[in-house]
Amino acid sequence: MVEPKVRLRELREKAGLSGPAEAARRFKFNENTYTSHENGNRPISKKAAQKYAEAYGATAGWILFGNDNQSPRPADILPQVPIPASELVGPTDFPVYAAAQGGNGHLIVSFDAIDWVKRPAPLARVKGGYGLLIDGESMTPAFRPGDTALVHPHLPPERGTDVILYHTPPDGEAEAIIKHLIGFSDREWTLEQYRPPEEFKEFRQEWPICHRVVGKYSRR
């Protein structure tokens, strides 16, 4: 019988996280508690399972009992997880836009589509969903140059997600940044990048538009 610790480890590995410490840092879990849960040294409570399920895009029932028939698809877990071809649906009407590296690590996004591809399942019915071809290494290994971020423009900001922030409404050309959203207030975004590692704040007045990243296509 597969134990909860095995299913928890499976979720973490599918999310592209190297170990419990990285998962704890990414999702702001208590590292000792999470490590004990994944190692099986401490039973996973219903409350903890629910917290892990929300982070990984799974269900508490699957983590605890494996009773959801199948494990969550990688495409539903984290932006780091590539979307497999089997998760592409519908007509070829999903626009991909290019981003060029600008000053201060910012991106200059051109909203003249460079390609049209089949829609990934997470954006199957999302009006205005798009892909953004990544340039620059500030978010490596989550996003490498040549990866395509899959973007949902209508989801509200959420802590612990990857986001694209814009100075102005996306149209023509726009300045943007792609970062990990640690937290936010009415005045500020608290952001994280991975290369070089840095946490910093930006004023929401200067970056008023937040689009959430819900997946990626890995570079070929």
N, C-alpha and C. Protein backbone atom coordinates (compact mmCIF):
# COMPACT_ATOMS: atom_id res chain seq x y z
N MET A 1 0.84 -1.20 0.00
CA MET A 1 0.00 0.00 0.00
C MET A 1 0.88 1.25 0.00
N VAL A 2 0.58 2.17 -0.89
CA VAL A 2 1.36 3.40 -0.98
C VAL A 2 1.01 4.32 0.17
N GLU A 3 2.02 4.82 0.87
CA GLU A 3 1.80 5.67 2.03
C GLU A 3 1.69 7.14 1.62
N PRO A 4 1.07 7.96 2.48
CA PRO A 4 0.95 9.39 2.18
C PRO A 4 2.29 10.06 1.90
N LYS A 5 3.34 9.65 2.60
CA LYS A 5 4.65 10.28 2.39
C LYS A 5 5.13 10.08 0.96
N VAL A 6 4.80 8.93 0.38
CA VAL A 6 5.21 8.65 -1.00
C VAL A 6 4.47 9.55 -1.97
N ARG A 7 3.17 9.73 -1.74
CA ARG A 7 2.39 10.61 -2.61
C ARG A 7 2.85 12.07 -2.47
N LEU A 8 3.18 12.47 -1.25
CA LEU A 8 3.68 13.83 -1.04
C LEU A 8 5.00 14.04 -1.78
N ARG A 9 5.87 13.05 -1.71
CA ARG A 9 7.14 13.15 -2.43
C ARG A 9 6.91 13.18 -3.94
N GLU A 10 5.95 12.41 -4.40
CA GLU A 10 5.63 12.40 -5.83
C GLU A 10 5.19 13.78 -6.31
N LEU A 11 4.36 14.45 -5.51
CA LEU A 11 3.92 15.80 -5.87
C LEU A 11 5.10 16.75 -5.94
N ARG A 12 5.97 16.65 -4.96
CA ARG A 12 7.14 17.54 -4.94
C ARG A 12 8.04 17.30 -6.14
N GLU A 13 8.26 16.05 -6.48
CA GLU A 13 9.12 15.74 -7.62
C GLU A 13 8.49 16.18 -8.93
N LYS A 14 7.17 16.00 -9.07
CA LYS A 14 6.48 16.45 -10.28
C LYS A 14 6.53 17.96 -10.41
N ALA A 15 6.62 18.64 -9.27
CA ALA A 15 6.71 20.10 -9.29
C ALA A 15 8.11 20.58 -9.64
N GLY A 16 9.05 19.67 -9.81
CA GLY A 16 10.40 20.05 -10.20
C GLY A 16 11.23 20.57 -9.05
N LEU A 17 10.86 20.24 -7.81
CA LEU A 17 11.60 20.71 -6.64
C LEU A 17 12.54 19.61 -6.17
N SER A 18 13.78 19.98 -5.89
CA SER A 18 14.83 18.99 -5.68
C SER A 18 14.73 18.26 -4.35
N GLY A 19 14.12 18.86 -3.34
CA GLY A 19 14.04 18.22 -2.05
C GLY A 19 13.08 18.95 -1.13
N PRO A 20 12.86 18.40 0.08
CA PRO A 20 11.95 19.05 1.02
C PRO A 20 12.34 20.48 1.36
N ALA A 21 13.62 20.76 1.45
CA ALA A 21 14.06 22.11 1.80
C ALA A 21 13.63 23.12 0.74
N GLU A 22 13.78 22.74 -0.53
CA GLU A 22 13.38 23.64 -1.61
C GLU A 22 11.86 23.83 -1.62
N ALA A 23 11.12 22.75 -1.37
CA ALA A 23 9.66 22.87 -1.32
C ALA A 23 9.23 23.78 -0.18
N ALA A 24 9.87 23.63 0.97
CA ALA A 24 9.53 24.47 2.13
C ALA A 24 9.81 25.93 1.84
N ARG A 25 10.94 26.19 1.19
CA ARG A 25 11.27 27.58 0.86
C ARG A 25 10.29 28.14 -0.16
N ARG A 26 9.96 27.34 -1.14
CA ARG A 26 9.08 27.81 -2.21
C ARG A 26 7.69 28.16 -1.68
N PHE A 27 7.15 27.30 -0.83
CA PHE A 27 5.76 27.47 -0.38
C PHE A 27 5.63 28.01 1.04
N LYS A 28 6.77 28.35 1.65
CA LYS A 28 6.77 28.89 3.02
C LYS A 28 6.22 27.88 4.03
N PHE A 29 6.52 26.60 3.80
CA PHE A 29 6.20 25.58 4.78
C PHE A 29 7.23 25.63 5.92
N ASN A 30 6.86 25.10 7.09
CA ASN A 30 7.86 24.85 8.12
C ASN A 30 8.74 23.70 7.64
N GLU A 31 10.04 23.97 7.48
CA GLU A 31 10.91 22.98 6.86
C GLU A 31 11.00 21.69 7.67
N ASN A 32 11.13 21.79 8.99
CA ASN A 32 11.26 20.58 9.81
C ASN A 32 9.99 19.73 9.74
N THR A 33 8.85 20.40 9.81
CA THR A 33 7.58 19.66 9.76
C THR A 33 7.40 19.00 8.40
N TYR A 34 7.65 19.77 7.33
CA TYR A 34 7.46 19.21 5.99
C TYR A 34 8.41 18.03 5.76
N THR A 35 9.66 18.18 6.17
CA THR A 35 10.64 17.10 5.99
C THR A 35 10.20 15.86 6.75
N SER A 36 9.70 16.04 7.97
CA SER A 36 9.22 14.89 8.75
C SER A 36 8.04 14.22 8.08
N HIS A 37 7.16 15.01 7.48
CA HIS A 37 6.01 14.43 6.77
C HIS A 37 6.47 13.63 5.55
N GLU A 38 7.41 14.20 4.79
CA GLU A 38 7.84 13.49 3.59
C GLU A 38 8.69 12.27 3.92
N ASN A 39 9.40 12.31 5.03
CA ASN A 39 10.22 11.16 5.43
C ASN A 39 9.41 10.10 6.17
N GLY A 40 8.18 10.44 6.54
CA GLY A 40 7.34 9.49 7.25
C GLY A 40 7.59 9.43 8.74
N ASN A 41 8.36 10.39 9.26
CA ASN A 41 8.64 10.42 10.70
C ASN A 41 7.50 11.02 11.51
N ARG A 42 6.56 11.66 10.84
CA ARG A 42 5.41 12.27 11.51
C ARG A 42 4.20 12.08 10.61
N PRO A 43 3.07 11.64 11.15
CA PRO A 43 1.87 11.47 10.31
C PRO A 43 1.38 12.81 9.78
N ILE A 44 0.83 12.79 8.58
CA ILE A 44 0.31 14.01 7.95
C ILE A 44 -1.12 14.23 8.41
N SER A 45 -1.37 15.34 9.06
CA SER A 45 -2.72 15.66 9.52
C SER A 45 -3.58 16.12 8.35
N LYS A 46 -4.88 16.12 8.56
CA LYS A 46 -5.79 16.59 7.52
C LYS A 46 -5.51 18.05 7.18
N LYS A 47 -5.22 18.86 8.20
CA LYS A 47 -4.93 20.28 7.99
C LYS A 47 -3.67 20.46 7.16
N ALA A 48 -2.63 19.69 7.48
CA ALA A 48 -1.38 19.78 6.72
C ALA A 48 -1.59 19.30 5.29
N ALA A 49 -2.34 18.22 5.12
CA ALA A 49 -2.60 17.70 3.78
C ALA A 49 -3.33 18.73 2.93
N GLN A 50 -4.26 19.45 3.54
CA GLN A 50 -4.99 20.48 2.80
C GLN A 50 -4.05 21.59 2.36
N LYS A 51 -3.13 21.98 3.24
CA LYS A 51 -2.17 23.03 2.89
C LYS A 51 -1.26 22.58 1.75
N TYR A 52 -0.78 21.35 1.82
CA TYR A 52 0.08 20.84 0.75
C TYR A 52 -0.71 20.70 -0.55
N ALA A 53 -1.95 20.26 -0.44
CA ALA A 53 -2.78 20.09 -1.64
C ALA A 53 -2.99 21.41 -2.35
N GLU A 54 -3.24 22.47 -1.60
CA GLU A 54 -3.44 23.79 -2.21
C GLU A 54 -2.18 24.26 -2.91
N ALA A 55 -1.03 23.98 -2.31
CA ALA A 55 0.23 24.41 -2.92
C ALA A 55 0.53 23.66 -4.20
N TYR A 56 0.25 22.35 -4.21
CA TYR A 56 0.62 21.51 -5.34
C TYR A 56 -0.49 21.32 -6.37
N GLY A 57 -1.67 21.85 -6.11
CA GLY A 57 -2.77 21.66 -7.05
C GLY A 57 -3.36 20.27 -6.99
N ALA A 58 -3.30 19.65 -5.83
CA ALA A 58 -3.85 18.30 -5.64
C ALA A 58 -5.06 18.38 -4.72
N THR A 59 -5.43 17.27 -4.10
CA THR A 59 -6.48 17.26 -3.08
C THR A 59 -5.93 16.59 -1.83
N ALA A 60 -6.46 17.00 -0.68
CA ALA A 60 -6.03 16.39 0.58
C ALA A 60 -6.36 14.90 0.60
N GLY A 61 -7.51 14.54 0.00
CA GLY A 61 -7.89 13.14 -0.04
C GLY A 61 -6.90 12.28 -0.78
N TRP A 62 -6.37 12.81 -1.88
CA TRP A 62 -5.40 12.02 -2.64
C TRP A 62 -4.10 11.86 -1.85
N ILE A 63 -3.65 12.94 -1.21
CA ILE A 63 -2.42 12.85 -0.43
C ILE A 63 -2.57 11.82 0.70
N LEU A 64 -3.69 11.88 1.41
CA LEU A 64 -3.86 11.02 2.58
C LEU A 64 -4.24 9.59 2.23
N PHE A 65 -5.11 9.43 1.22
CA PHE A 65 -5.69 8.11 0.97
C PHE A 65 -5.50 7.60 -0.46
N GLY A 66 -5.06 8.48 -1.36
CA GLY A 66 -4.89 8.06 -2.75
C GLY A 66 -6.20 7.68 -3.40
N ASN A 67 -7.29 8.35 -3.01
CA ASN A 67 -8.61 7.91 -3.45
C ASN A 67 -9.23 8.78 -4.52
N ASP A 68 -8.40 9.51 -5.27
CA ASP A 68 -8.93 10.33 -6.35
C ASP A 68 -8.71 9.69 -7.72
N ASN A 69 -8.45 8.39 -7.72
CA ASN A 69 -8.29 7.59 -8.95
C ASN A 69 -6.94 7.80 -9.63
N GLN A 70 -6.44 9.00 -9.63
CA GLN A 70 -5.15 9.24 -10.26
C GLN A 70 -4.49 10.44 -9.61
N SER A 71 -3.18 10.49 -9.74
CA SER A 71 -2.46 11.63 -9.19
C SER A 71 -2.70 12.85 -10.07
N PRO A 72 -2.54 14.04 -9.52
CA PRO A 72 -2.72 15.25 -10.32
C PRO A 72 -1.76 15.27 -11.49
N ARG A 73 -2.21 15.85 -12.58
CA ARG A 73 -1.37 15.96 -13.76
C ARG A 73 -0.28 16.99 -13.50
N PRO A 74 0.93 16.77 -14.01
CA PRO A 74 1.98 17.77 -13.85
C PRO A 74 1.55 19.14 -14.32
N ALA A 75 0.72 19.23 -15.36
CA ALA A 75 0.33 20.54 -15.88
C ALA A 75 -0.48 21.34 -14.89
N ASP A 76 -1.05 20.67 -13.88
CA ASP A 76 -1.89 21.36 -12.91
C ASP A 76 -1.13 21.78 -11.66
N ILE A 77 0.16 21.51 -11.58
CA ILE A 77 0.86 21.70 -10.32
C ILE A 77 1.59 23.04 -10.27
N LEU A 78 2.59 23.24 -11.06
CA LEU A 78 3.41 24.44 -10.95
C LEU A 78 3.88 24.90 -12.31
N PRO A 79 4.23 26.17 -12.43
CA PRO A 79 4.76 26.66 -13.69
C PRO A 79 6.02 25.94 -14.14
N GLN A 80 6.82 25.39 -13.21
CA GLN A 80 8.05 24.72 -13.61
C GLN A 80 7.79 23.47 -14.43
N VAL A 81 6.58 22.93 -14.35
CA VAL A 81 6.29 21.65 -14.97
C VAL A 81 5.89 21.84 -16.42
N PRO A 82 6.60 21.23 -17.37
CA PRO A 82 6.22 21.37 -18.77
C PRO A 82 4.83 20.80 -19.04
N ILE A 83 4.12 21.41 -19.99
CA ILE A 83 2.82 20.91 -20.40
C ILE A 83 3.02 19.86 -21.48
N PRO A 84 2.63 18.59 -21.25
CA PRO A 84 2.82 17.56 -22.26
C PRO A 84 1.89 17.75 -23.44
N ALA A 85 2.26 17.15 -24.56
CA ALA A 85 1.47 17.30 -25.78
C ALA A 85 0.04 16.82 -25.59
N SER A 86 -0.14 15.82 -24.73
CA SER A 86 -1.49 15.29 -24.49
C SER A 86 -2.40 16.29 -23.81
N GLU A 87 -1.81 17.34 -23.22
CA GLU A 87 -2.61 18.36 -22.55
C GLU A 87 -2.94 19.54 -23.46
N LEU A 88 -2.58 19.47 -24.73
CA LEU A 88 -2.90 20.53 -25.67
C LEU A 88 -4.27 20.25 -26.28
N VAL A 89 -5.11 21.27 -26.32
CA VAL A 89 -6.48 21.05 -26.78
C VAL A 89 -6.88 22.11 -27.77
N GLY A 90 -7.91 21.78 -28.58
CA GLY A 90 -8.57 22.78 -29.40
C GLY A 90 -7.75 23.25 -30.59
N PRO A 91 -8.24 24.32 -31.22
CA PRO A 91 -7.60 24.85 -32.42
C PRO A 91 -6.29 25.57 -32.10
N THR A 92 -5.55 25.87 -33.15
CA THR A 92 -4.29 26.59 -32.99
C THR A 92 -4.58 28.08 -32.92
N ASP A 93 -5.02 28.54 -31.74
CA ASP A 93 -5.41 29.94 -31.59
C ASP A 93 -4.82 30.59 -30.35
N PHE A 94 -3.74 30.01 -29.85
CA PHE A 94 -3.10 30.50 -28.62
C PHE A 94 -1.87 31.31 -29.00
N PRO A 95 -1.87 32.64 -28.75
CA PRO A 95 -0.76 33.47 -29.21
C PRO A 95 0.45 33.37 -28.30
N VAL A 96 1.61 33.41 -28.91
CA VAL A 96 2.88 33.47 -28.17
C VAL A 96 3.56 34.78 -28.52
N TYR A 97 3.92 35.54 -27.49
CA TYR A 97 4.57 36.83 -27.68
C TYR A 97 6.04 36.73 -27.28
N ALA A 98 6.84 37.61 -27.85
CA ALA A 98 8.28 37.61 -27.58
C ALA A 98 8.61 38.67 -26.54
N ALA A 99 9.65 38.40 -25.76
CA ALA A 99 10.15 39.36 -24.79
C ALA A 99 11.65 39.53 -24.99
N ALA A 100 12.11 40.76 -25.04
CA ALA A 100 13.53 41.06 -25.17
C ALA A 100 14.04 41.63 -23.86
N GLN A 101 15.29 41.32 -23.53
CA GLN A 101 15.87 41.81 -22.29
C GLN A 101 16.07 43.32 -22.35
N GLY A 102 15.54 44.03 -21.36
CA GLY A 102 15.73 45.47 -21.27
C GLY A 102 16.63 45.83 -20.11
N GLY A 103 16.66 47.08 -19.72
CA GLY A 103 17.49 47.52 -18.61
C GLY A 103 16.96 47.05 -17.27
N ASN A 104 17.86 46.92 -16.29
CA ASN A 104 17.50 46.53 -14.92
C ASN A 104 16.80 45.18 -14.84
N GLY A 105 17.10 44.30 -15.80
CA GLY A 105 16.48 42.98 -15.78
C GLY A 105 15.04 42.96 -16.22
N HIS A 106 14.54 44.07 -16.74
CA HIS A 106 13.15 44.12 -17.20
C HIS A 106 13.04 43.52 -18.59
N LEU A 107 11.82 43.16 -18.95
CA LEU A 107 11.53 42.63 -20.27
C LEU A 107 10.75 43.66 -21.07
N ILE A 108 11.04 43.73 -22.35
CA ILE A 108 10.24 44.52 -23.27
C ILE A 108 9.41 43.54 -24.09
N VAL A 109 8.11 43.54 -23.85
CA VAL A 109 7.22 42.56 -24.47
C VAL A 109 6.54 43.18 -25.68
N SER A 110 6.63 42.48 -26.80
CA SER A 110 5.95 42.90 -28.02
C SER A 110 4.68 42.08 -28.18
N PHE A 111 3.53 42.76 -28.25
CA PHE A 111 2.26 42.05 -28.35
C PHE A 111 1.81 41.88 -29.80
N ASP A 112 2.79 41.60 -30.65
CA ASP A 112 2.57 41.15 -32.01
C ASP A 112 2.98 39.68 -32.02
N ALA A 113 2.03 38.77 -32.08
CA ALA A 113 2.31 37.34 -31.89
C ALA A 113 3.37 36.84 -32.86
N ILE A 114 4.34 36.10 -32.31
CA ILE A 114 5.37 35.49 -33.15
C ILE A 114 5.01 34.06 -33.52
N ASP A 115 3.99 33.49 -32.86
CA ASP A 115 3.57 32.13 -33.16
C ASP A 115 2.16 31.92 -32.62
N TRP A 116 1.48 30.93 -33.18
CA TRP A 116 0.17 30.51 -32.70
C TRP A 116 0.22 29.01 -32.51
N VAL A 117 -0.15 28.53 -31.32
CA VAL A 117 -0.06 27.11 -31.01
C VAL A 117 -1.38 26.64 -30.42
N LYS A 118 -1.50 25.32 -30.24
CA LYS A 118 -2.70 24.78 -29.59
C LYS A 118 -2.71 25.18 -28.12
N ARG A 119 -3.91 25.35 -27.59
CA ARG A 119 -4.06 25.80 -26.21
C ARG A 119 -3.70 24.70 -25.21
N PRO A 120 -2.99 25.05 -24.15
CA PRO A 120 -2.80 24.10 -23.05
C PRO A 120 -4.09 23.98 -22.26
N ALA A 121 -4.32 22.82 -21.66
CA ALA A 121 -5.56 22.58 -20.93
C ALA A 121 -5.87 23.63 -19.86
N PRO A 122 -4.88 24.12 -19.07
CA PRO A 122 -5.22 25.11 -18.04
C PRO A 122 -5.79 26.41 -18.59
N LEU A 123 -5.60 26.67 -19.89
CA LEU A 123 -6.08 27.91 -20.49
C LEU A 123 -7.10 27.65 -21.60
N ALA A 124 -7.72 26.48 -21.57
CA ALA A 124 -8.59 26.06 -22.67
C ALA A 124 -9.73 27.03 -22.93
N ARG A 125 -10.30 27.61 -21.89
CA ARG A 125 -11.46 28.50 -22.06
C ARG A 125 -11.18 29.91 -21.55
N VAL A 126 -9.92 30.26 -21.46
CA VAL A 126 -9.55 31.55 -20.88
C VAL A 126 -9.40 32.60 -21.98
N LYS A 127 -10.26 33.59 -21.96
CA LYS A 127 -10.17 34.69 -22.91
C LYS A 127 -8.93 35.52 -22.60
N GLY A 128 -8.13 35.77 -23.61
CA GLY A 128 -6.95 36.60 -23.43
C GLY A 128 -5.73 35.87 -22.93
N GLY A 129 -5.82 34.54 -22.73
CA GLY A 129 -4.64 33.78 -22.31
C GLY A 129 -3.57 33.84 -23.38
N TYR A 130 -2.32 33.78 -22.96
CA TYR A 130 -1.22 33.89 -23.94
C TYR A 130 0.05 33.24 -23.40
N GLY A 131 0.99 33.04 -24.31
CA GLY A 131 2.31 32.55 -23.94
C GLY A 131 3.33 33.66 -24.09
N LEU A 132 4.34 33.66 -23.23
CA LEU A 132 5.40 34.66 -23.29
C LEU A 132 6.74 33.96 -23.35
N LEU A 133 7.46 34.17 -24.45
CA LEU A 133 8.78 33.57 -24.64
C LEU A 133 9.78 34.28 -23.74
N ILE A 134 10.43 33.53 -22.86
CA ILE A 134 11.27 34.12 -21.83
C ILE A 134 12.67 34.43 -22.35
N ASP A 135 13.15 35.61 -21.98
CA ASP A 135 14.53 36.01 -22.24
C ASP A 135 15.15 36.40 -20.89
N GLY A 136 16.41 36.07 -20.68
CA GLY A 136 17.06 36.37 -19.41
C GLY A 136 17.02 35.20 -18.46
N GLU A 137 17.89 35.22 -17.44
CA GLU A 137 18.08 34.08 -16.55
C GLU A 137 17.72 34.37 -15.10
N SER A 138 17.02 35.46 -14.81
CA SER A 138 16.76 35.82 -13.41
C SER A 138 15.85 34.82 -12.71
N MET A 139 15.06 34.04 -13.49
CA MET A 139 14.14 33.07 -12.87
C MET A 139 14.58 31.63 -13.10
N THR A 140 15.79 31.42 -13.59
CA THR A 140 16.33 30.07 -13.71
C THR A 140 16.53 29.49 -12.30
N PRO A 141 16.12 28.22 -12.06
CA PRO A 141 15.72 27.18 -13.01
C PRO A 141 14.22 27.11 -13.29
N ALA A 142 13.40 27.93 -12.64
CA ALA A 142 11.96 27.84 -12.88
C ALA A 142 11.63 28.14 -14.33
N PHE A 143 12.24 29.19 -14.87
CA PHE A 143 12.07 29.57 -16.26
C PHE A 143 13.43 29.87 -16.86
N ARG A 144 13.78 29.16 -17.91
CA ARG A 144 15.05 29.35 -18.59
C ARG A 144 14.83 30.12 -19.89
N PRO A 145 15.88 30.78 -20.39
CA PRO A 145 15.74 31.45 -21.68
C PRO A 145 15.24 30.47 -22.74
N GLY A 146 14.22 30.86 -23.47
CA GLY A 146 13.64 29.99 -24.48
C GLY A 146 12.41 29.25 -24.02
N ASP A 147 12.17 29.18 -22.70
CA ASP A 147 10.90 28.63 -22.20
C ASP A 147 9.76 29.58 -22.53
N THR A 148 8.56 29.05 -22.59
CA THR A 148 7.37 29.88 -22.81
C THR A 148 6.48 29.81 -21.59
N ALA A 149 6.31 30.94 -20.91
CA ALA A 149 5.40 31.02 -19.77
C ALA A 149 3.97 31.06 -20.28
N LEU A 150 3.09 30.31 -19.65
CA LEU A 150 1.67 30.27 -20.02
C LEU A 150 0.91 31.15 -19.03
N VAL A 151 0.21 32.14 -19.54
CA VAL A 151 -0.26 33.24 -18.70
C VAL A 151 -1.79 33.35 -18.70
N HIS A 152 -2.34 33.43 -17.49
CA HIS A 152 -3.78 33.68 -17.28
C HIS A 152 -3.91 35.13 -16.82
N PRO A 153 -4.46 36.01 -17.64
CA PRO A 153 -4.48 37.43 -17.29
C PRO A 153 -5.58 37.85 -16.32
N HIS A 154 -6.47 36.92 -15.95
CA HIS A 154 -7.63 37.31 -15.15
C HIS A 154 -7.63 36.78 -13.72
N LEU A 155 -6.69 35.91 -13.37
CA LEU A 155 -6.64 35.41 -12.01
C LEU A 155 -6.13 36.50 -11.07
N PRO A 156 -6.65 36.56 -9.85
CA PRO A 156 -6.17 37.58 -8.91
C PRO A 156 -4.77 37.23 -8.41
N PRO A 157 -4.03 38.22 -7.90
CA PRO A 157 -2.71 37.93 -7.33
C PRO A 157 -2.83 36.91 -6.20
N GLU A 158 -1.84 36.03 -6.12
CA GLU A 158 -1.85 35.01 -5.07
C GLU A 158 -0.42 34.76 -4.61
N ARG A 159 -0.22 34.77 -3.32
CA ARG A 159 1.11 34.50 -2.77
C ARG A 159 1.58 33.11 -3.17
N GLY A 160 2.88 33.00 -3.43
CA GLY A 160 3.44 31.71 -3.78
C GLY A 160 3.27 31.31 -5.22
N THR A 161 2.93 32.27 -6.09
CA THR A 161 2.79 31.99 -7.52
C THR A 161 3.79 32.83 -8.30
N ASP A 162 4.02 32.43 -9.54
CA ASP A 162 4.85 33.23 -10.44
C ASP A 162 3.95 34.18 -11.22
N VAL A 163 4.42 35.40 -11.39
CA VAL A 163 3.59 36.43 -12.00
C VAL A 163 4.39 37.25 -13.01
N ILE A 164 3.66 37.90 -13.90
CA ILE A 164 4.24 38.90 -14.79
C ILE A 164 3.58 40.23 -14.45
N LEU A 165 4.39 41.21 -14.11
CA LEU A 165 3.90 42.54 -13.77
C LEU A 165 4.18 43.49 -14.92
N TYR A 166 3.22 44.37 -15.20
CA TYR A 166 3.35 45.34 -16.28
C TYR A 166 3.22 46.76 -15.75
N HIS A 167 3.99 47.67 -16.37
CA HIS A 167 3.85 49.09 -16.08
C HIS A 167 2.53 49.64 -16.61
N THR A 168 2.18 49.21 -17.81
CA THR A 168 1.00 49.73 -18.50
C THR A 168 0.20 48.56 -19.06
N PRO A 169 -1.06 48.76 -19.42
CA PRO A 169 -1.84 47.67 -20.01
C PRO A 169 -1.13 47.07 -21.22
N PRO A 170 -1.05 45.74 -21.29
CA PRO A 170 -0.36 45.09 -22.40
C PRO A 170 -0.97 45.45 -23.75
N ASP A 171 -0.22 46.17 -24.55
CA ASP A 171 -0.70 46.59 -25.87
C ASP A 171 0.50 47.15 -26.62
N GLY A 172 0.70 46.71 -27.85
CA GLY A 172 1.85 47.18 -28.61
C GLY A 172 3.12 46.65 -28.00
N GLU A 173 3.87 47.50 -27.30
CA GLU A 173 5.03 47.09 -26.54
C GLU A 173 4.84 47.52 -25.09
N ALA A 174 5.27 46.69 -24.15
CA ALA A 174 5.10 47.00 -22.74
C ALA A 174 6.30 46.50 -21.96
N GLU A 175 6.67 47.24 -20.91
CA GLU A 175 7.74 46.82 -20.02
C GLU A 175 7.17 45.90 -18.96
N ALA A 176 7.88 44.81 -18.67
CA ALA A 176 7.36 43.80 -17.76
C ALA A 176 8.49 43.18 -16.96
N ILE A 177 8.12 42.51 -15.87
CA ILE A 177 9.04 41.67 -15.12
C ILE A 177 8.32 40.37 -14.78
N ILE A 178 9.05 39.25 -14.81
CA ILE A 178 8.50 37.97 -14.37
C ILE A 178 9.25 37.57 -13.11
N LYS A 179 8.50 37.37 -12.03
CA LYS A 179 9.09 37.07 -10.73
C LYS A 179 8.17 36.14 -9.95
N HIS A 180 8.66 35.67 -8.81
CA HIS A 180 7.86 34.88 -7.88
C HIS A 180 7.26 35.83 -6.85
N LEU A 181 5.94 35.76 -6.67
CA LEU A 181 5.24 36.66 -5.77
C LEU A 181 5.21 36.07 -4.36
N ILE A 182 5.96 36.71 -3.46
CA ILE A 182 6.01 36.26 -2.07
C ILE A 182 4.82 36.80 -1.28
N GLY A 183 4.48 38.06 -1.53
CA GLY A 183 3.37 38.68 -0.81
C GLY A 183 3.04 40.02 -1.43
N PHE A 184 1.98 40.65 -0.91
CA PHE A 184 1.60 41.95 -1.45
C PHE A 184 0.71 42.67 -0.45
N SER A 185 0.69 43.99 -0.59
CA SER A 185 -0.19 44.85 0.20
C SER A 185 -0.86 45.81 -0.76
N ASP A 186 -1.59 46.76 -0.23
CA ASP A 186 -2.22 47.76 -1.09
C ASP A 186 -1.19 48.62 -1.81
N ARG A 187 0.02 48.69 -1.25
CA ARG A 187 1.04 49.60 -1.79
C ARG A 187 2.15 48.88 -2.55
N GLU A 188 2.48 47.64 -2.15
CA GLU A 188 3.70 47.02 -2.66
C GLU A 188 3.50 45.56 -3.05
N TRP A 189 4.34 45.14 -3.99
CA TRP A 189 4.55 43.73 -4.29
C TRP A 189 5.85 43.30 -3.60
N THR A 190 5.87 42.14 -2.98
CA THR A 190 7.11 41.56 -2.47
C THR A 190 7.46 40.40 -3.38
N LEU A 191 8.62 40.50 -4.03
CA LEU A 191 8.97 39.60 -5.13
C LEU A 191 10.28 38.86 -4.85
N GLU A 192 10.46 37.78 -5.58
CA GLU A 192 11.68 36.99 -5.46
C GLU A 192 12.14 36.58 -6.85
N GLN A 193 13.46 36.63 -7.05
CA GLN A 193 14.06 36.04 -8.24
C GLN A 193 15.13 35.06 -7.77
N TYR A 194 15.60 34.20 -8.70
CA TYR A 194 16.47 33.10 -8.31
C TYR A 194 17.92 33.27 -8.75
N ARG A 195 18.18 34.08 -9.77
CA ARG A 195 19.56 34.22 -10.26
C ARG A 195 19.83 35.67 -10.64
N PRO A 196 20.59 36.40 -9.82
CA PRO A 196 21.06 35.99 -8.49
C PRO A 196 19.91 35.99 -7.50
N PRO A 197 20.00 35.20 -6.42
CA PRO A 197 18.91 35.16 -5.45
C PRO A 197 18.68 36.54 -4.83
N GLU A 198 17.43 36.97 -4.84
CA GLU A 198 17.13 38.30 -4.31
C GLU A 198 15.64 38.40 -4.00
N GLU A 199 15.35 39.02 -2.87
CA GLU A 199 13.98 39.42 -2.54
C GLU A 199 13.93 40.94 -2.54
N PHE A 200 12.87 41.50 -3.11
CA PHE A 200 12.78 42.95 -3.20
C PHE A 200 11.32 43.37 -3.32
N LYS A 201 11.08 44.66 -3.22
CA LYS A 201 9.73 45.21 -3.29
C LYS A 201 9.61 46.16 -4.47
N GLU A 202 8.42 46.20 -5.04
CA GLU A 202 8.09 47.17 -6.09
C GLU A 202 6.75 47.81 -5.73
N PHE A 203 6.62 49.09 -6.04
CA PHE A 203 5.36 49.78 -5.77
C PHE A 203 4.29 49.35 -6.76
N ARG A 204 3.11 49.05 -6.25
CA ARG A 204 2.01 48.66 -7.13
C ARG A 204 1.59 49.79 -8.05
N GLN A 205 1.79 51.02 -7.62
CA GLN A 205 1.45 52.15 -8.48
C GLN A 205 2.31 52.15 -9.74
N GLU A 206 3.56 51.66 -9.62
CA GLU A 206 4.45 51.61 -10.78
C GLU A 206 4.24 50.34 -11.61
N TRP A 207 3.78 49.28 -10.97
CA TRP A 207 3.53 48.00 -11.65
C TRP A 207 2.10 47.57 -11.32
N PRO A 208 1.09 48.23 -11.88
CA PRO A 208 -0.29 48.02 -11.44
C PRO A 208 -0.95 46.76 -11.99
N ILE A 209 -0.37 46.16 -13.02
CA ILE A 209 -1.05 45.04 -13.70
C ILE A 209 -0.30 43.75 -13.40
N CYS A 210 -1.03 42.77 -12.88
CA CYS A 210 -0.45 41.48 -12.49
C CYS A 210 -1.15 40.35 -13.22
N HIS A 211 -0.40 39.61 -14.02
CA HIS A 211 -0.91 38.42 -14.71
C HIS A 211 -0.25 37.19 -14.09
N ARG A 212 -1.04 36.15 -13.85
CA ARG A 212 -0.48 34.97 -13.20
C ARG A 212 -0.01 33.92 -14.21
N VAL A 213 1.15 33.35 -13.96
CA VAL A 213 1.69 32.27 -14.78
C VAL A 213 1.12 30.95 -14.26
N VAL A 214 0.56 30.13 -15.15
CA VAL A 214 -0.08 28.88 -14.73
C VAL A 214 0.59 27.64 -15.30
N GLY A 215 1.66 27.80 -16.05
CA GLY A 215 2.36 26.67 -16.61
C GLY A 215 3.47 27.14 -17.52
N LYS A 216 4.10 26.21 -18.20
CA LYS A 216 5.13 26.60 -19.16
C LYS A 216 5.32 25.52 -20.21
N TYR A 217 5.83 25.93 -21.36
CA TYR A 217 6.40 25.02 -22.34
C TYR A 217 7.91 25.13 -22.20
N SER A 218 8.59 24.01 -21.97
CA SER A 218 10.04 24.04 -21.91
C SER A 218 10.61 24.26 -23.30
N ARG A 219 11.76 24.92 -23.34
CA ARG A 219 12.41 25.17 -24.63
C ARG A 219 12.76 23.84 -25.28
N ARG A 220 12.77 23.86 -26.58
CA ARG A 220 13.07 22.63 -27.32
C ARG A 220 14.57 22.50 -27.53
